[in-house]
Amino acid sequence: MTEGYCVKDKKKVEIKNPVKTTMKNGKPATQGTCPICGGKVFRIGA
C-alpha cells in the first residue's frame, strides 16, 4: 500500500482508497483519505 503524511494526525499513514492522478506540471501523485481522521492525504511522486 501507499503511505502518505496526514497533516491533522502529524504522522505517516496508509492511504485509504488511493487514486493515481497527474498534477498540472505533469508529475504523478496519489490522493486518498486518512483511515484515522478521514481527512485528505496527498503524496507527490507516487
C-alpha atoms as a PDB file:
ATOM      1  CA  MET A   1       0.000   0.000   0.000  1.00  0.00           C
ATOM      2  CA  THR A   2       0.978   3.618  -0.437  1.00  0.00           C
ATOM      3  CA  GLU A   3       1.860   5.754   2.552  1.00  0.00           C
ATOM      4  CA  GLY A   4       1.354   9.482   2.880  1.00  0.00           C
ATOM      5  CA  TYR A   5       1.627  12.152   5.576  1.00  0.00           C
ATOM      6  CA  CYS A   6      -1.559  13.188   7.361  1.00  0.00           C
ATOM      7  CA  VAL A   7      -1.288  16.830   8.444  1.00  0.00           C
ATOM      8  CA  LYS A   8      -4.086  16.529  11.015  1.00  0.00           C
ATOM      9  CA  ASP A   9      -2.607  13.453  12.740  1.00  0.00           C
ATOM     10  CA  LYS A  10       1.011  14.581  12.127  1.00  0.00           C
ATOM     11  CA  LYS A  11       2.222  11.115  11.140  1.00  0.00           C
ATOM     12  CA  LYS A  12       2.573   8.773   8.177  1.00  0.00           C
ATOM     13  CA  VAL A  13      -0.488   6.655   7.419  1.00  0.00           C
ATOM     14  CA  GLU A  14      -1.546   4.231   4.710  1.00  0.00           C
ATOM     15  CA  ILE A  15      -3.667   5.973   2.090  1.00  0.00           C
ATOM     16  CA  LYS A  16      -7.220   4.633   2.070  1.00  0.00           C
ATOM     17  CA  ASN A  17      -8.873   4.468  -1.380  1.00  0.00           C
ATOM     18  CA  PRO A  18      -5.782   5.687  -3.304  1.00  0.00           C
ATOM     19  CA  VAL A  19      -6.348   7.317  -6.689  1.00  0.00           C
ATOM     20  CA  LYS A  20      -3.442   7.977  -9.050  1.00  0.00           C
ATOM     21  CA  THR A  21      -3.562  11.496 -10.502  1.00  0.00           C
ATOM     22  CA  THR A  22      -1.342  13.834 -12.505  1.00  0.00           C
ATOM     23  CA  MET A  23      -0.611  17.353 -11.298  1.00  0.00           C
ATOM     24  CA  LYS A  24      -0.694  20.439 -13.534  1.00  0.00           C
ATOM     25  CA  ASN A  25       3.072  20.281 -14.085  1.00  0.00           C
ATOM     26  CA  GLY A  26       2.847  16.652 -15.272  1.00  0.00           C
ATOM     27  CA  LYS A  27       4.253  14.933 -12.171  1.00  0.00           C
ATOM     28  CA  PRO A  28       2.464  11.845 -10.845  1.00  0.00           C
ATOM     29  CA  ALA A  29       0.690  11.944  -7.481  1.00  0.00           C
ATOM     30  CA  THR A  30      -1.591   9.815  -5.306  1.00  0.00           C
ATOM     31  CA  GLN A  31      -4.614  11.156  -3.462  1.00  0.00           C
ATOM     32  CA  GLY A  32      -6.826   9.443  -0.903  1.00  0.00           C
ATOM     33  CA  THR A  33      -8.176   9.626   2.635  1.00  0.00           C
ATOM     34  CA  CYS A  34      -6.703   9.044   6.082  1.00  0.00           C
ATOM     35  CA  PRO A  35      -8.051   5.892   7.775  1.00  0.00           C
ATOM     36  CA  ILE A  36      -7.831   7.538  11.225  1.00  0.00           C
ATOM     37  CA  CYS A  37      -9.383  11.007  10.828  1.00  0.00           C
ATOM     38  CA  GLY A  38     -10.943  10.806   7.338  1.00  0.00           C
ATOM     39  CA  GLY A  39      -9.015  13.844   6.046  1.00  0.00           C
ATOM     40  CA  LYS A  40      -7.347  14.131   2.665  1.00  0.00           C
ATOM     41  CA  VAL A  41      -3.876  12.658   2.181  1.00  0.00           C
ATOM     42  CA  PHE A  42      -1.789  13.653  -0.852  1.00  0.00           C
ATOM     43  CA  ARG A  43       1.528  12.164  -1.941  1.00  0.00           C
ATOM     44  CA  ILE A  44       3.646  13.578  -4.758  1.00  0.00           C
ATOM     45  CA  GLY A  45       5.646  11.247  -6.979  1.00  0.00           C
ATOM     46  CA  ALA A  46       3.918   8.013  -6.083  1.00  0.00           C
END
